[in-house]
Amino acid sequence: MKILIVDDNADDRNILRHYLAHVASVLLEAVNGAEGLTMAGSERPDLIISDALMPNVDGFEFLREIRRSTELCHTPFIFYSAVYTGSKEQELALSLGADAFMVKPLEAEEFLSQLRNLLASLDRTQKRPGNELLEEDEKFLRKYSQIVAARLEEKVVELETLQQTLEARVVELVAEQRRKDQILLQQNRLAALGEMINNIAHQWRNPLNNIALIIQNLRMDFDAGTLTPKGLHDDIDKAMKVILYMSQTINDFSNFFREDKKKDEFSINKAVERVLEMVAATLKCHKIEVEIKNGDEVTAIGYPNEYAQVLLNIISNARETCIERRVAAPCLFIRIFWENERSVVSIRDNCGGIPDDILPRIFDPYFTTRGPERGTGIGLYMAKVIIEQNMGGSLTAGNIDHGAEFRIVL
């Protein structure tokens, strides 16, 4: 039997490969629905096992296209998901023509038992189309958007609760640390834990705001009757990217102080683009323009996710400064270029610059000019540690053309 596994999580694919080693004669793998659709068309598998939550094309759209295909519509299709597990999600999956819906994680024996029972009951000559959702875009999009919006609202509530818990814990750790002669976080295990919690809370604040704005925009467009399928898909894709980024942030910061992390070559241009996509909603809300100057592709050796977090910290600080000072036409100027065979990113604003008495202290831990409800004073400190200690580069700040400029050199 030829089986196609479609899942963006490499660990989950490995587990299924182990489970199916003695069942399948050929095992195929794809990391999302788009890749799975291409592979299914060329390889014609006897069975498809797919996750639901995936980037680009998710499991529901993947299944819909499989059932629409004349060549593939007979192929048995099983959902195996740990996220979309509610009754509405399962109802949508079955209505689109799924043969079964399994909830992760299952032990090997239970998984194989359910799989054998399913395969034994299938009529392989019977076409498996979904209901009218298969052919009517409007009905499919309405039901699909309801499920995704509900799931996003649940995640936002969970993340906000977690953020409040983390921030409360951070306040406790900082107070304790200051009572103990201001010992820096990195000097002991408690300090490392404190930095991690602080940064998760700091990094999640902006993505949470972006998700909230996306949901609000969806509701406003729906109420105004201007919501289109393309607009819905675009907003859902933006929200899913932010959620996946937030999930990755936890892994990145839990590994922050480990010495065995492997550096990779990555695109500076794409890192900047990725961060700007995440903060686009908040920048637009406050009418902050962004001008980018980049020519050739600029690359660097380092940790791309941590580099993105540094960019996010700097851009977020610039945004807050523009808002506080009520600049008439706020703008961020970003340049990406090579200088002496090293990559350089310059981020400059037009918000008046950094006061001379504050400039020497902006990278100090816990230093902030904002109240505790708006900043922990650790974002720029951690940015400097990431660039200079973890990647061997430099992060500097200064004033130029009536604004502050940050330069990242790797």
Protein backbone atom coordinates (compact mmCIF):
# COMPACT_ATOMS: atom_id res chain seq x y z
CA MET A 1 0.00 0.00 0.00
CA LYS A 2 1.24 3.47 -0.91
CA ILE A 3 0.46 6.01 1.85
CA LEU A 4 0.89 9.80 1.69
CA ILE A 5 1.52 11.63 5.01
CA VAL A 6 0.84 15.39 4.96
CA ASP A 7 1.94 17.30 8.07
CA ASP A 8 4.07 20.40 8.64
CA ASN A 9 5.49 18.99 11.89
CA ALA A 10 8.57 16.84 11.25
CA ASP A 11 8.23 15.01 14.59
CA ASP A 12 4.64 14.02 13.82
CA ARG A 13 5.69 12.77 10.37
CA ASN A 14 8.44 10.69 11.97
CA ILE A 15 5.97 9.12 14.41
CA LEU A 16 3.57 8.20 11.61
CA ARG A 17 6.43 6.83 9.53
CA HIS A 18 7.32 4.58 12.46
CA TYR A 19 3.69 3.51 12.97
CA LEU A 20 3.18 2.70 9.29
CA ALA A 21 6.51 1.02 8.61
CA HIS A 22 4.96 -2.47 8.46
CA VAL A 23 1.69 -1.36 6.84
CA ALA A 24 2.86 0.62 3.83
CA SER A 25 5.06 -0.60 1.02
CA VAL A 26 5.75 3.02 0.03
CA LEU A 27 5.58 6.06 2.36
CA LEU A 28 5.36 9.54 0.86
CA GLU A 29 5.63 12.81 2.81
CA ALA A 30 4.54 16.43 2.23
CA VAL A 31 4.73 19.44 4.55
CA ASN A 32 1.48 21.19 3.55
CA GLY A 33 -1.62 20.80 1.43
CA ALA A 34 -0.15 22.42 -1.67
CA GLU A 35 2.80 20.04 -1.70
CA GLY A 36 0.52 17.14 -0.82
CA LEU A 37 -1.80 17.90 -3.75
CA THR A 38 1.11 17.90 -6.18
CA MET A 39 2.49 14.65 -4.78
CA ALA A 40 -0.91 12.97 -4.76
CA GLY A 41 -1.41 13.89 -8.40
CA SER A 42 1.90 12.40 -9.46
CA GLU A 43 2.13 9.39 -7.11
CA ARG A 44 -1.57 8.35 -6.80
CA PRO A 45 -1.42 7.07 -3.19
CA ASP A 46 -3.78 4.40 -1.87
CA LEU A 47 -4.38 6.37 1.34
CA ILE A 48 -3.86 9.96 2.53
CA ILE A 49 -3.31 10.84 6.20
CA SER A 50 -3.29 14.60 6.76
CA ASP A 51 -3.00 17.15 9.54
CA ALA A 52 -5.58 19.98 9.64
CA LEU A 53 -3.58 23.04 10.74
CA MET A 54 -0.82 23.71 8.20
CA PRO A 55 0.63 26.83 6.51
CA ASN A 56 -0.14 27.78 2.89
CA VAL A 57 -2.90 25.23 2.14
CA ASP A 58 -4.39 23.61 5.24
CA GLY A 59 -6.01 20.19 5.57
CA PHE A 60 -9.58 21.30 4.81
CA GLU A 61 -8.67 23.02 1.53
CA PHE A 62 -6.39 20.09 0.66
CA LEU A 63 -9.24 17.60 1.17
CA ARG A 64 -11.62 19.78 -0.83
CA GLU A 65 -9.27 19.77 -3.81
CA ILE A 66 -8.71 16.01 -3.53
CA ARG A 67 -12.46 15.38 -3.67
CA ARG A 68 -12.81 17.73 -6.63
CA SER A 69 -10.18 15.82 -8.60
CA THR A 70 -11.49 13.21 -11.05
CA GLU A 71 -8.35 11.11 -10.60
CA LEU A 72 -8.09 11.38 -6.79
CA CYS A 73 -11.69 11.57 -5.57
CA HIS A 74 -11.74 7.83 -4.72
CA THR A 75 -8.65 8.06 -2.49
CA PRO A 76 -9.39 7.31 1.20
CA PHE A 77 -8.60 10.36 3.33
CA ILE A 78 -7.99 10.45 7.11
CA PHE A 79 -7.56 13.57 9.25
CA TYR A 80 -5.08 13.18 12.13
CA SER A 81 -5.04 16.45 14.09
CA ALA A 82 -4.28 17.79 17.55
CA VAL A 83 -5.65 21.33 17.04
CA TYR A 84 -8.89 21.19 15.05
CA THR A 85 -10.58 18.52 17.16
CA GLY A 86 -14.01 19.99 17.98
CA SER A 87 -17.32 18.66 16.75
CA LYS A 88 -17.71 21.48 14.20
CA GLU A 89 -14.27 20.80 12.74
CA GLN A 90 -15.00 17.08 12.47
CA GLU A 91 -18.41 17.80 10.95
CA LEU A 92 -16.79 20.03 8.30
CA ALA A 93 -14.15 17.40 7.55
CA LEU A 94 -16.71 14.64 7.09
CA SER A 95 -18.98 16.89 5.02
CA LEU A 96 -16.08 17.51 2.65
CA GLY A 97 -15.57 13.78 2.17
CA ALA A 98 -13.10 12.67 4.85
CA ASP A 99 -13.35 8.98 5.71
CA ALA A 100 -12.28 9.39 9.33
CA PHE A 101 -11.07 11.93 11.87
CA MET A 102 -8.46 10.82 14.43
CA VAL A 103 -7.32 13.01 17.32
CA LYS A 104 -3.61 13.23 18.13
CA PRO A 105 -1.84 11.74 19.92
CA LEU A 106 -2.63 8.03 19.66
CA GLU A 107 -0.42 5.16 20.72
CA ALA A 108 0.77 2.95 17.89
CA GLU A 109 -1.53 0.05 18.77
CA GLU A 110 -4.65 2.24 18.96
CA PHE A 111 -3.75 4.13 15.77
CA LEU A 112 -3.17 0.96 13.77
CA SER A 113 -6.34 -0.65 15.15
CA GLN A 114 -8.48 2.30 14.02
CA LEU A 115 -6.71 2.35 10.68
CA ARG A 116 -7.28 -1.37 10.02
CA ASN A 117 -10.96 -1.10 10.97
CA LEU A 118 -11.40 1.83 8.62
CA LEU A 119 -9.63 0.19 5.70
CA ALA A 120 -11.65 -2.98 6.19
CA SER A 121 -14.92 -1.04 6.03
CA LEU A 122 -14.11 1.09 2.98
CA ASP A 123 -15.70 0.50 -0.39
CA ARG A 124 -12.79 1.33 -2.67
CA THR A 125 -15.01 1.63 -5.73
CA GLN A 126 -17.22 4.28 -4.19
CA LYS A 127 -16.56 7.93 -4.98
CA ARG A 128 -16.21 10.06 -1.85
CA PRO A 129 -17.37 13.57 -2.62
CA GLY A 130 -18.41 15.97 0.11
CA ASN A 131 -21.83 17.60 0.20
CA GLU A 132 -22.77 20.93 -1.37
CA LEU A 133 -19.82 22.56 0.44
CA LEU A 134 -17.59 20.91 -2.15
CA GLU A 135 -19.04 22.93 -5.02
CA GLU A 136 -20.36 26.11 -3.41
CA ASP A 137 -17.53 28.45 -2.40
CA GLU A 138 -19.77 30.78 -0.40
CA LYS A 139 -21.12 28.04 1.87
CA PHE A 140 -17.71 26.48 2.35
CA LEU A 141 -16.07 29.83 3.14
CA ARG A 142 -18.82 30.77 5.59
CA LYS A 143 -18.53 27.54 7.53
CA TYR A 144 -14.75 27.45 7.31
CA SER A 145 -14.38 31.08 8.46
CA GLN A 146 -16.71 30.48 11.41
CA ILE A 147 -14.51 27.59 12.56
CA VAL A 148 -11.25 29.48 12.08
CA ALA A 149 -12.57 32.67 13.72
CA ALA A 150 -13.83 30.70 16.71
CA ARG A 151 -10.51 28.92 17.03
CA LEU A 152 -8.61 32.22 16.80
CA GLU A 153 -10.79 33.81 19.47
CA GLU A 154 -10.13 30.85 21.77
CA LYS A 155 -6.39 31.10 21.18
CA VAL A 156 -6.39 34.87 21.77
CA VAL A 157 -8.12 34.38 25.13
CA GLU A 158 -5.68 31.61 26.08
CA LEU A 159 -2.67 33.70 25.04
CA GLU A 160 -3.91 36.79 26.87
CA THR A 161 -4.41 34.75 30.05
CA LEU A 162 -0.97 33.22 29.69
CA GLN A 163 0.55 36.65 29.04
CA GLN A 164 -1.00 38.03 32.23
CA THR A 165 0.33 35.08 34.21
CA LEU A 166 3.80 35.46 32.69
CA GLU A 167 3.89 39.20 33.31
CA ALA A 168 2.85 38.74 36.94
CA ARG A 169 5.61 36.17 37.37
CA VAL A 170 8.08 38.53 35.69
CA VAL A 171 7.25 41.31 38.17
CA GLU A 172 7.88 38.91 41.06
CA LEU A 173 11.22 37.80 39.62
CA VAL A 174 12.40 41.34 38.93
CA ALA A 175 11.51 42.49 42.45
CA GLU A 176 13.34 39.53 43.97
CA GLN A 177 16.34 40.10 41.73
CA ARG A 178 16.64 43.77 42.71
CA ARG A 179 16.49 42.88 46.39
CA LYS A 180 19.47 40.58 45.81
CA ASP A 181 21.94 43.33 44.82
CA GLN A 182 20.61 43.68 41.25
CA ILE A 183 22.10 40.35 40.09
CA LEU A 184 21.74 40.14 36.32
CA LEU A 185 19.43 37.51 34.92
CA GLN A 186 22.11 35.61 33.03
CA GLN A 187 24.23 34.95 36.17
CA ASN A 188 22.18 32.01 37.39
CA ARG A 189 19.38 29.66 36.36
CA LEU A 190 16.68 31.82 37.91
CA ALA A 191 17.96 34.80 35.96
CA ALA A 192 17.86 32.82 32.71
CA LEU A 193 14.29 31.75 33.45
CA GLY A 194 13.34 35.33 34.23
CA GLU A 195 14.74 36.56 30.92
CA MET A 196 12.90 33.88 29.00
CA ILE A 197 9.56 34.67 30.64
CA ASN A 198 10.08 38.40 30.23
CA ASN A 199 10.82 38.04 26.54
CA ILE A 200 7.96 35.70 25.79
CA ALA A 201 5.61 38.23 27.39
CA HIS A 202 7.33 41.06 25.53
CA GLN A 203 7.28 39.31 22.14
CA TRP A 204 3.68 38.15 22.39
CA ARG A 205 2.21 41.57 23.15
CA ASN A 206 2.48 42.82 19.56
CA PRO A 207 1.32 39.60 17.83
CA LEU A 208 -1.70 39.50 20.17
CA ASN A 209 -2.58 43.05 19.17
CA ASN A 210 -2.23 42.10 15.50
CA ILE A 211 -4.56 39.11 15.88
CA ALA A 212 -7.13 41.27 17.67
CA LEU A 213 -6.99 43.87 14.88
CA ILE A 214 -7.38 41.21 12.19
CA ILE A 215 -10.46 39.79 13.93
CA GLN A 216 -11.92 43.28 14.36
CA ASN A 217 -11.33 44.06 10.68
CA LEU A 218 -13.05 40.81 9.68
CA ARG A 219 -16.07 41.70 11.79
CA MET A 220 -16.22 45.26 10.43
CA ASP A 221 -15.92 44.05 6.82
CA PHE A 222 -18.61 41.42 7.44
CA ASP A 223 -20.99 43.94 9.02
CA ALA A 224 -20.36 46.36 6.17
CA GLY A 225 -20.95 43.65 3.56
CA THR A 226 -17.48 44.16 2.06
CA LEU A 227 -15.97 40.83 3.14
CA THR A 228 -14.78 38.89 0.09
CA PRO A 229 -13.44 35.33 -0.10
CA LYS A 230 -10.01 36.70 -1.02
CA GLY A 231 -10.04 39.18 1.84
CA LEU A 232 -11.11 36.43 4.23
CA HIS A 233 -8.34 34.10 3.05
CA ASP A 234 -5.74 36.89 3.28
CA ASP A 235 -6.73 37.81 6.84
CA ILE A 236 -6.82 34.17 7.93
CA ASP A 237 -3.37 33.58 6.42
CA LYS A 238 -2.00 36.63 8.26
CA ALA A 239 -3.47 35.47 11.59
CA MET A 240 -2.18 31.91 11.16
CA LYS A 241 1.34 33.20 10.41
CA VAL A 242 1.28 35.23 13.62
CA ILE A 243 0.06 32.24 15.67
CA LEU A 244 2.72 29.95 14.18
CA TYR A 245 5.34 32.60 14.92
CA MET A 246 4.18 32.84 18.56
CA SER A 247 4.41 29.08 18.91
CA GLN A 248 7.94 29.09 17.48
CA THR A 249 8.93 31.89 19.90
CA ILE A 250 8.49 29.55 22.87
CA ASN A 251 10.92 27.03 21.35
CA ASP A 252 13.40 29.74 20.40
CA PHE A 253 13.60 31.27 23.85
CA SER A 254 13.63 27.94 25.70
CA ASN A 255 16.84 27.21 23.73
CA PHE A 256 18.17 30.73 24.17
CA PHE A 257 21.16 29.99 26.42
CA ARG A 258 22.12 26.61 24.97
CA GLU A 259 25.55 26.48 23.37
CA ASP A 260 24.74 23.70 20.91
CA LYS A 261 22.38 25.68 18.66
CA LYS A 262 23.33 25.45 15.00
CA LYS A 263 23.79 28.65 13.03
CA ASP A 264 22.31 28.81 9.53
CA GLU A 265 22.65 31.13 6.58
CA PHE A 266 19.45 33.15 6.18
CA SER A 267 18.11 36.04 4.12
CA ILE A 268 18.10 39.42 5.89
CA ASN A 269 15.60 40.73 3.32
CA LYS A 270 13.12 37.95 4.12
CA ALA A 271 13.60 38.39 7.87
CA VAL A 272 12.68 42.07 7.58
CA GLU A 273 9.73 41.24 5.33
CA ARG A 274 8.50 38.61 7.79
CA VAL A 275 8.56 41.01 10.75
CA LEU A 276 6.89 43.82 8.81
CA GLU A 277 4.05 41.45 7.90
CA MET A 278 3.54 40.73 11.60
CA VAL A 279 3.35 44.39 12.64
CA ALA A 280 1.62 45.71 9.52
CA ALA A 281 -1.78 45.91 11.22
CA THR A 282 -0.57 47.98 14.19
CA LEU A 283 1.55 50.27 12.00
CA LYS A 284 -1.40 50.90 9.72
CA CYS A 285 -3.70 51.52 12.68
CA HIS A 286 -1.43 54.35 13.86
CA LYS A 287 -0.79 55.65 10.32
CA ILE A 288 2.93 54.89 10.46
CA GLU A 289 4.47 54.59 7.00
CA VAL A 290 7.41 52.34 6.17
CA GLU A 291 10.00 53.04 3.47
CA ILE A 292 12.37 50.21 2.56
CA LYS A 293 15.52 50.48 0.48
CA ASN A 294 17.11 47.21 -0.50
CA GLY A 295 19.01 46.15 -3.55
CA ASP A 296 20.81 42.84 -3.76
CA GLU A 297 19.86 39.90 -1.58
CA VAL A 298 21.68 40.28 1.75
CA THR A 299 22.42 37.20 3.83
CA ALA A 300 24.02 36.43 7.19
CA ILE A 301 25.04 33.48 9.34
CA GLY A 302 23.12 33.24 12.60
CA TYR A 303 19.76 32.40 14.14
CA PRO A 304 16.97 33.73 11.88
CA ASN A 305 14.16 33.57 14.45
CA GLU A 306 16.19 35.40 17.09
CA TYR A 307 17.24 37.96 14.48
CA ALA A 308 13.56 38.49 13.66
CA GLN A 309 12.85 39.04 17.36
CA VAL A 310 15.52 41.75 17.47
CA LEU A 311 13.92 43.49 14.49
CA LEU A 312 10.53 43.22 16.18
CA ASN A 313 11.87 44.83 19.37
CA ILE A 314 13.43 47.77 17.52
CA ILE A 315 10.42 48.40 15.28
CA SER A 316 8.03 48.12 18.24
CA ASN A 317 10.06 50.67 20.21
CA ALA A 318 10.03 53.06 17.25
CA ARG A 319 6.28 52.64 16.88
CA GLU A 320 5.64 53.38 20.58
CA THR A 321 7.84 56.49 20.39
CA CYS A 322 5.92 57.78 17.36
CA ILE A 323 2.63 57.26 19.21
CA GLU A 324 3.82 58.89 22.46
CA ARG A 325 5.20 61.96 20.72
CA ARG A 326 2.21 62.33 18.39
CA VAL A 327 4.34 62.83 15.31
CA ALA A 328 2.31 64.36 12.48
CA ALA A 329 3.54 62.06 9.70
CA PRO A 330 5.41 59.19 11.40
CA CYS A 331 7.62 57.05 9.20
CA LEU A 332 10.15 54.24 9.57
CA PHE A 333 13.07 54.16 7.12
CA ILE A 334 14.67 50.74 6.68
CA ARG A 335 17.84 50.12 4.65
CA ILE A 336 19.32 46.68 3.91
CA PHE A 337 22.78 46.62 2.38
CA TRP A 338 26.30 45.17 2.36
CA GLU A 339 29.12 47.11 4.04
CA ASN A 340 32.69 45.80 4.14
CA GLU A 341 31.37 42.32 3.32
CA ARG A 342 29.01 42.36 6.30
CA SER A 343 25.22 42.59 6.34
CA VAL A 344 23.73 45.81 7.68
CA VAL A 345 20.17 46.76 8.56
CA SER A 346 19.49 50.38 9.47
CA ILE A 347 16.14 51.24 11.10
CA ARG A 348 15.48 54.96 11.50
CA ASP A 349 12.41 56.94 12.56
CA ASN A 350 11.46 60.63 12.36
CA CYS A 351 10.23 60.95 15.93
CA GLY A 352 12.78 63.35 17.41
CA GLY A 353 15.59 61.03 18.44
CA ILE A 354 16.78 59.71 21.80
CA PRO A 355 17.57 62.31 24.52
CA ASP A 356 21.32 62.63 25.19
CA ASP A 357 20.99 61.67 28.86
CA ILE A 358 19.10 58.48 27.97
CA LEU A 359 21.10 57.30 24.93
CA PRO A 360 23.98 55.69 26.91
CA ARG A 361 21.51 53.62 28.97
CA ILE A 362 19.01 52.30 26.41
CA PHE A 363 20.63 48.83 26.28
CA ASP A 364 20.76 48.45 30.08
CA PRO A 365 18.56 45.69 31.55
CA TYR A 366 15.32 46.92 33.16
CA PHE A 367 15.86 50.46 31.91
CA THR A 368 12.67 51.96 30.48
CA THR A 369 11.18 55.43 30.12
CA ARG A 370 7.67 53.96 30.04
CA GLY A 371 5.52 52.78 32.90
CA PRO A 372 5.58 49.10 33.98
CA GLU A 373 2.26 48.51 32.25
CA ARG A 374 3.84 49.35 28.86
CA GLY A 375 7.36 47.96 29.08
CA THR A 376 9.70 45.74 31.07
CA GLY A 377 12.93 47.46 30.02
CA ILE A 378 14.46 44.23 28.80
CA GLY A 379 13.68 44.19 25.06
CA LEU A 380 16.67 46.22 23.80
CA TYR A 381 18.98 44.57 26.33
CA MET A 382 18.05 41.14 25.01
CA ALA A 383 18.35 42.39 21.42
CA LYS A 384 21.95 43.43 22.09
CA VAL A 385 22.73 40.09 23.76
CA ILE A 386 21.29 38.18 20.79
CA ILE A 387 23.23 40.14 18.16
CA GLU A 388 26.54 40.61 19.96
CA GLN A 389 26.92 37.59 22.24
CA ASN A 390 25.00 34.94 20.30
CA MET A 391 25.79 36.01 16.72
CA GLY A 392 29.07 37.93 17.02
CA GLY A 393 27.71 41.12 15.43
CA SER A 394 27.02 44.61 16.70
CA LEU A 395 23.88 46.57 17.61
CA THR A 396 24.27 50.33 18.03
CA ALA A 397 21.98 53.32 18.36
CA GLY A 398 22.33 57.04 17.64
CA ASN A 399 20.50 60.12 16.43
CA ILE A 400 20.35 61.28 12.82
CA ASP A 401 18.00 63.53 10.79
CA HIS A 402 15.65 64.30 13.71
CA GLY A 403 15.20 60.64 14.56
CA ALA A 404 16.75 57.61 16.22
CA GLU A 405 18.71 55.10 14.15
CA PHE A 406 19.53 51.51 15.10
CA ARG A 407 22.18 49.61 13.11
CA ILE A 408 22.47 45.80 13.13
CA VAL A 409 25.71 44.50 11.65
CA LEU A 410 26.47 40.78 11.15
